């Protein structure tokens, strides 16, 4: 599950970059038309909102993962270029 909270006073577009081991072959957003997901190869994926996030709002997206032997926890995660809090 991925949750993004806008803690600013203005609407923002959001983009999450996730890096997994290179055996992660798929990331999909379950039942969510307001999100796009694409892979860049070698276990790297981008999840982007198709609508801005209003001030104080939180967006939660359930992700479906497909991987080999590596764990399902990302090795690296950023939201709009800032490190994520994992856990």
C-alpha atoms as a PDB file:
ATOM      1  CA  UNK A   1       0.000   0.000   0.000  1.00  0.00           C
ATOM      2  CA  UNK A   2       1.250   3.459  -0.898  1.00  0.00           C
ATOM      3  CA  UNK A   3      -0.018   6.607   0.879  1.00  0.00           C
ATOM      4  CA  UNK A   4       0.848  10.139  -0.206  1.00  0.00           C
ATOM      5  CA  UNK A   5      -0.121  13.139   1.957  1.00  0.00           C
ATOM      6  CA  UNK A   6       0.019  16.745   0.796  1.00  0.00           C
ATOM      7  CA  UNK A   7       1.304  18.673   3.818  1.00  0.00           C
ATOM      8  CA  UNK A   8       1.535  21.970   1.922  1.00  0.00           C
ATOM      9  CA  UNK A   9      -0.961  24.812   1.560  1.00  0.00           C
ATOM     10  CA  UNK A  10      -1.436  24.365  -2.192  1.00  0.00           C
ATOM     11  CA  UNK A  11      -2.467  21.626  -4.601  1.00  0.00           C
ATOM     12  CA  UNK A  12       0.438  19.567  -5.925  1.00  0.00           C
ATOM     13  CA  UNK A  13       0.996  17.041  -8.660  1.00  0.00           C
ATOM     14  CA  UNK A  14       2.701  13.929  -7.337  1.00  0.00           C
ATOM     15  CA  UNK A  15       5.098  11.346  -8.672  1.00  0.00           C
ATOM     16  CA  UNK A  16       6.546   8.401  -6.736  1.00  0.00           C
ATOM     17  CA  UNK A  17       9.678   6.639  -7.952  1.00  0.00           C
ATOM     18  CA  UNK A  18      10.264   3.131  -6.602  1.00  0.00           C
ATOM     19  CA  UNK A  19      13.430   1.057  -7.015  1.00  0.00           C
ATOM     20  CA  UNK A  20      13.374  -2.672  -6.252  1.00  0.00           C
ATOM     21  CA  UNK A  21      15.810  -5.486  -6.985  1.00  0.00           C
ATOM     22  CA  UNK A  22      16.170  -6.154 -10.698  1.00  0.00           C
ATOM     23  CA  UNK A  23      13.917  -9.230 -10.431  1.00  0.00           C
ATOM     24  CA  UNK A  24      10.827  -7.064  -9.788  1.00  0.00           C
ATOM     25  CA  UNK A  25       9.012  -7.350 -13.101  1.00  0.00           C
ATOM     26  CA  UNK A  26       5.626  -5.693 -12.496  1.00  0.00           C
ATOM     27  CA  UNK A  27       3.929  -3.047 -10.373  1.00  0.00           C
ATOM     28  CA  UNK A  28       0.240  -2.241 -10.926  1.00  0.00           C
ATOM     29  CA  UNK A  29      -2.237  -0.008  -9.148  1.00  0.00           C
ATOM     30  CA  UNK A  30      -5.328  -2.031  -8.242  1.00  0.00           C
ATOM     31  CA  UNK A  31      -8.698  -0.616  -9.336  1.00  0.00           C
ATOM     32  CA  UNK A  32      -7.568   2.993  -9.536  1.00  0.00           C
ATOM     33  CA  UNK A  33      -8.235   5.159 -12.573  1.00  0.00           C
ATOM     34  CA  UNK A  34      -6.524   8.228 -11.051  1.00  0.00           C
ATOM     35  CA  UNK A  35      -3.038   6.692 -11.135  1.00  0.00           C
ATOM     36  CA  UNK A  36      -0.622   5.730 -13.892  1.00  0.00           C
ATOM     37  CA  UNK A  37       2.215   3.245 -13.409  1.00  0.00           C
ATOM     38  CA  UNK A  38       5.089   2.524 -15.752  1.00  0.00           C
ATOM     39  CA  UNK A  39       8.354   0.624 -15.548  1.00  0.00           C
ATOM     40  CA  UNK A  40      11.754   1.979 -16.494  1.00  0.00           C
ATOM     41  CA  UNK A  41      13.488  -1.427 -16.345  1.00  0.00           C
ATOM     42  CA  UNK A  42      15.859  -3.038 -13.838  1.00  0.00           C
ATOM     43  CA  UNK A  43      13.255  -2.967 -11.045  1.00  0.00           C
ATOM     44  CA  UNK A  44      12.489   0.768 -11.296  1.00  0.00           C
ATOM     45  CA  UNK A  45       8.904   2.029 -11.510  1.00  0.00           C
ATOM     46  CA  UNK A  46       7.080   5.365 -11.490  1.00  0.00           C
ATOM     47  CA  UNK A  47       3.612   5.839  -9.959  1.00  0.00           C
ATOM     48  CA  UNK A  48       1.976   9.164 -10.825  1.00  0.00           C
ATOM     49  CA  UNK A  49      -1.322  10.726  -9.893  1.00  0.00           C
ATOM     50  CA  UNK A  50      -3.387  11.877 -12.850  1.00  0.00           C
ATOM     51  CA  UNK A  51      -4.980  14.572 -10.654  1.00  0.00           C
ATOM     52  CA  UNK A  52      -3.419  17.056  -8.222  1.00  0.00           C
ATOM     53  CA  UNK A  53      -3.574  16.366  -4.504  1.00  0.00           C
ATOM     54  CA  UNK A  54      -5.368  19.137  -2.569  1.00  0.00           C
ATOM     55  CA  UNK A  55      -3.828  20.675   0.584  1.00  0.00           C
ATOM     56  CA  UNK A  56      -4.125  18.309   3.557  1.00  0.00           C
ATOM     57  CA  UNK A  57      -5.439  15.419   1.435  1.00  0.00           C
ATOM     58  CA  UNK A  58      -4.044  11.884   1.446  1.00  0.00           C
ATOM     59  CA  UNK A  59      -4.111   9.506  -1.497  1.00  0.00           C
ATOM     60  CA  UNK A  60      -3.792   5.777  -0.799  1.00  0.00           C
ATOM     61  CA  UNK A  61      -3.049   3.380  -3.639  1.00  0.00           C
ATOM     62  CA  UNK A  62      -2.970  -0.400  -3.353  1.00  0.00           C
ATOM     63  CA  UNK A  63      -0.089  -1.750  -5.417  1.00  0.00           C
ATOM     64  CA  UNK A  64       0.114  -5.251  -6.854  1.00  0.00           C
ATOM     65  CA  UNK A  65       3.664  -6.508  -7.244  1.00  0.00           C
ATOM     66  CA  UNK A  66       5.234  -9.277  -9.294  1.00  0.00           C
ATOM     67  CA  UNK A  67       8.742 -10.343  -8.290  1.00  0.00           C
ATOM     68  CA  UNK A  68      11.255 -13.163  -8.175  1.00  0.00           C
ATOM     69  CA  UNK A  69      13.363 -13.753  -5.071  1.00  0.00           C
ATOM     70  CA  UNK A  70      13.842 -10.194  -3.820  1.00  0.00           C
ATOM     71  CA  UNK A  71      11.562  -8.769  -1.146  1.00  0.00           C
ATOM     72  CA  UNK A  72       8.535  -6.610  -1.856  1.00  0.00           C
ATOM     73  CA  UNK A  73       9.974  -3.628   0.037  1.00  0.00           C
ATOM     74  CA  UNK A  74      11.550  -1.007  -2.232  1.00  0.00           C
ATOM     75  CA  UNK A  75      15.283  -0.402  -1.961  1.00  0.00           C
ATOM     76  CA  UNK A  76      14.659   3.283  -2.706  1.00  0.00           C
ATOM     77  CA  UNK A  77      11.567   5.481  -2.826  1.00  0.00           C
ATOM     78  CA  UNK A  78      11.055   9.169  -3.548  1.00  0.00           C
ATOM     79  CA  UNK A  79       7.982  11.420  -3.785  1.00  0.00           C
ATOM     80  CA  UNK A  80       8.573  14.411  -6.064  1.00  0.00           C
ATOM     81  CA  UNK A  81      12.318  13.872  -5.559  1.00  0.00           C
ATOM     82  CA  UNK A  82      12.216  13.692  -1.728  1.00  0.00           C
ATOM     83  CA  UNK A  83      12.973  10.421   0.082  1.00  0.00           C
ATOM     84  CA  UNK A  84       9.922   8.455   1.242  1.00  0.00           C
ATOM     85  CA  UNK A  85       9.279   7.099   4.696  1.00  0.00           C
ATOM     86  CA  UNK A  86       9.143   3.313   4.327  1.00  0.00           C
ATOM     87  CA  UNK A  87       7.390   1.066   6.791  1.00  0.00           C
END
